[in-house]
Amino acid sequence: MMRTGMLWYDGDTHADLQTKVQRAAAYYQKKYGIMPTLCFVHPSMVAEEHPKAGTIELRTSKQVLPNHLWLGVAEGSSS
């Protein structure tokens, strides 16, 4: 679970999901000084059953709009 996070829009139609998450995570780390551990995306953005983007866990949520990423640190995470 994640209580707060950063919402990121990436409408780049040529980039894959992993690239989009890594770009957003780099910005998140620069802004907040910590690497995110969890990212929620719309189910339409995921092609795999258990997706990951590097060390960031990906979860789907219909509450997140397509082309948006909601990144943050999972509760209980040691990061």
C-alpha atoms as a PDB file:
ATOM      1  CA  MET A   1       0.000   0.000   0.000  1.00  0.00           C
ATOM      2  CA  MET A   2       1.086   3.566  -0.648  1.00  0.00           C
ATOM      3  CA  ARG A   3      -0.581   6.554   1.012  1.00  0.00           C
ATOM      4  CA  THR A   4       1.058   9.377  -0.940  1.00  0.00           C
ATOM      5  CA  GLY A   5       2.841   9.510  -4.239  1.00  0.00           C
ATOM      6  CA  MET A   6       3.647  11.522  -7.311  1.00  0.00           C
ATOM      7  CA  LEU A   7       1.386  11.447 -10.347  1.00  0.00           C
ATOM      8  CA  TRP A   8       3.319  11.465 -13.624  1.00  0.00           C
ATOM      9  CA  TYR A   9       1.978  11.775 -17.165  1.00  0.00           C
ATOM     10  CA  ASP A  10       3.947  10.262 -20.040  1.00  0.00           C
ATOM     11  CA  GLY A  11       2.224  10.352 -23.419  1.00  0.00           C
ATOM     12  CA  ASP A  12       5.290   9.144 -25.354  1.00  0.00           C
ATOM     13  CA  THR A  13       3.806   6.571 -27.736  1.00  0.00           C
ATOM     14  CA  HIS A  14       7.246   5.248 -28.728  1.00  0.00           C
ATOM     15  CA  ALA A  15       8.517   4.376 -25.229  1.00  0.00           C
ATOM     16  CA  ASP A  16       7.735   1.114 -23.473  1.00  0.00           C
ATOM     17  CA  LEU A  17       6.344   0.998 -19.929  1.00  0.00           C
ATOM     18  CA  GLN A  18       9.704   0.210 -18.334  1.00  0.00           C
ATOM     19  CA  THR A  19      11.275   3.300 -19.924  1.00  0.00           C
ATOM     20  CA  LYS A  20       8.382   5.482 -18.780  1.00  0.00           C
ATOM     21  CA  VAL A  21       8.645   4.199 -15.212  1.00  0.00           C
ATOM     22  CA  GLN A  22      12.415   4.699 -15.140  1.00  0.00           C
ATOM     23  CA  ARG A  23      12.073   8.310 -16.367  1.00  0.00           C
ATOM     24  CA  ALA A  24       9.443   9.060 -13.740  1.00  0.00           C
ATOM     25  CA  ALA A  25      11.464   7.312 -11.017  1.00  0.00           C
ATOM     26  CA  ALA A  26      14.585   9.334 -11.857  1.00  0.00           C
ATOM     27  CA  TYR A  27      12.593  12.562 -11.500  1.00  0.00           C
ATOM     28  CA  TYR A  28      10.999  11.310  -8.266  1.00  0.00           C
ATOM     29  CA  GLN A  29      14.411  10.497  -6.799  1.00  0.00           C
ATOM     30  CA  LYS A  30      15.832  13.880  -7.795  1.00  0.00           C
ATOM     31  CA  LYS A  31      12.834  15.740  -6.343  1.00  0.00           C
ATOM     32  CA  TYR A  32      12.300  13.767  -3.117  1.00  0.00           C
ATOM     33  CA  GLY A  33      15.757  12.265  -2.502  1.00  0.00           C
ATOM     34  CA  ILE A  34      14.521   8.668  -2.394  1.00  0.00           C
ATOM     35  CA  MET A  35      13.885   6.041  -5.040  1.00  0.00           C
ATOM     36  CA  PRO A  36      10.240   4.955  -5.389  1.00  0.00           C
ATOM     37  CA  THR A  37       9.489   1.297  -4.751  1.00  0.00           C
ATOM     38  CA  LEU A  38       5.932   1.082  -6.083  1.00  0.00           C
ATOM     39  CA  CYS A  39       4.151   2.319  -9.193  1.00  0.00           C
ATOM     40  CA  PHE A  40       0.463   2.054 -10.055  1.00  0.00           C
ATOM     41  CA  VAL A  41      -0.567   2.115 -13.728  1.00  0.00           C
ATOM     42  CA  HIS A  42      -3.793   1.574 -15.663  1.00  0.00           C
ATOM     43  CA  PRO A  43      -4.330  -2.121 -16.568  1.00  0.00           C
ATOM     44  CA  SER A  44      -4.271  -1.285 -20.289  1.00  0.00           C
ATOM     45  CA  MET A  45      -0.599  -0.319 -19.977  1.00  0.00           C
ATOM     46  CA  VAL A  46       0.555  -3.759 -18.775  1.00  0.00           C
ATOM     47  CA  ALA A  47       1.154  -6.703 -21.087  1.00  0.00           C
ATOM     48  CA  GLU A  48       2.758  -9.079 -18.548  1.00  0.00           C
ATOM     49  CA  GLU A  49       1.199 -10.921 -15.621  1.00  0.00           C
ATOM     50  CA  HIS A  50       3.756  -9.838 -12.969  1.00  0.00           C
ATOM     51  CA  PRO A  51       5.402  -6.713 -14.343  1.00  0.00           C
ATOM     52  CA  LYS A  52       8.419  -4.976 -12.809  1.00  0.00           C
ATOM     53  CA  ALA A  53      10.467  -2.006 -13.858  1.00  0.00           C
ATOM     54  CA  GLY A  54      13.895  -2.613 -12.407  1.00  0.00           C
ATOM     55  CA  THR A  55      13.430  -2.701  -8.631  1.00  0.00           C
ATOM     56  CA  ILE A  56      10.072  -0.908  -8.776  1.00  0.00           C
ATOM     57  CA  GLU A  57       7.021  -3.083  -8.277  1.00  0.00           C
ATOM     58  CA  LEU A  58       4.222  -2.369 -10.748  1.00  0.00           C
ATOM     59  CA  ARG A  59       0.574  -2.776  -9.828  1.00  0.00           C
ATOM     60  CA  THR A  60      -2.512  -2.023 -11.842  1.00  0.00           C
ATOM     61  CA  SER A  61      -5.418   0.170 -10.845  1.00  0.00           C
ATOM     62  CA  LYS A  62      -8.363   1.336 -12.903  1.00  0.00           C
ATOM     63  CA  GLN A  63      -8.282   4.541 -10.835  1.00  0.00           C
ATOM     64  CA  VAL A  64      -5.070   5.589 -12.602  1.00  0.00           C
ATOM     65  CA  LEU A  65      -5.731   7.000 -16.066  1.00  0.00           C
ATOM     66  CA  PRO A  66      -3.940   5.546 -19.118  1.00  0.00           C
ATOM     67  CA  ASN A  67      -0.503   7.110 -19.730  1.00  0.00           C
ATOM     68  CA  HIS A  68      -0.291   8.133 -16.055  1.00  0.00           C
ATOM     69  CA  LEU A  69       1.973   6.654 -13.398  1.00  0.00           C
ATOM     70  CA  TRP A  70       1.483   6.999  -9.645  1.00  0.00           C
ATOM     71  CA  LEU A  71       4.837   6.464  -7.954  1.00  0.00           C
ATOM     72  CA  GLY A  72       5.854   6.391  -4.333  1.00  0.00           C
ATOM     73  CA  VAL A  73       7.337   4.317  -1.555  1.00  0.00           C
ATOM     74  CA  ALA A  74       5.356   1.297  -0.412  1.00  0.00           C
ATOM     75  CA  GLU A  75       4.422   1.311   3.263  1.00  0.00           C
ATOM     76  CA  GLY A  76       6.842  -0.821   5.226  1.00  0.00           C
ATOM     77  CA  SER A  77       9.509  -0.471   2.536  1.00  0.00           C
ATOM     78  CA  SER A  78      13.065  -0.081   3.815  1.00  0.00           C
ATOM     79  CA  SER A  79      13.909   2.517   1.120  1.00  0.00           C
END
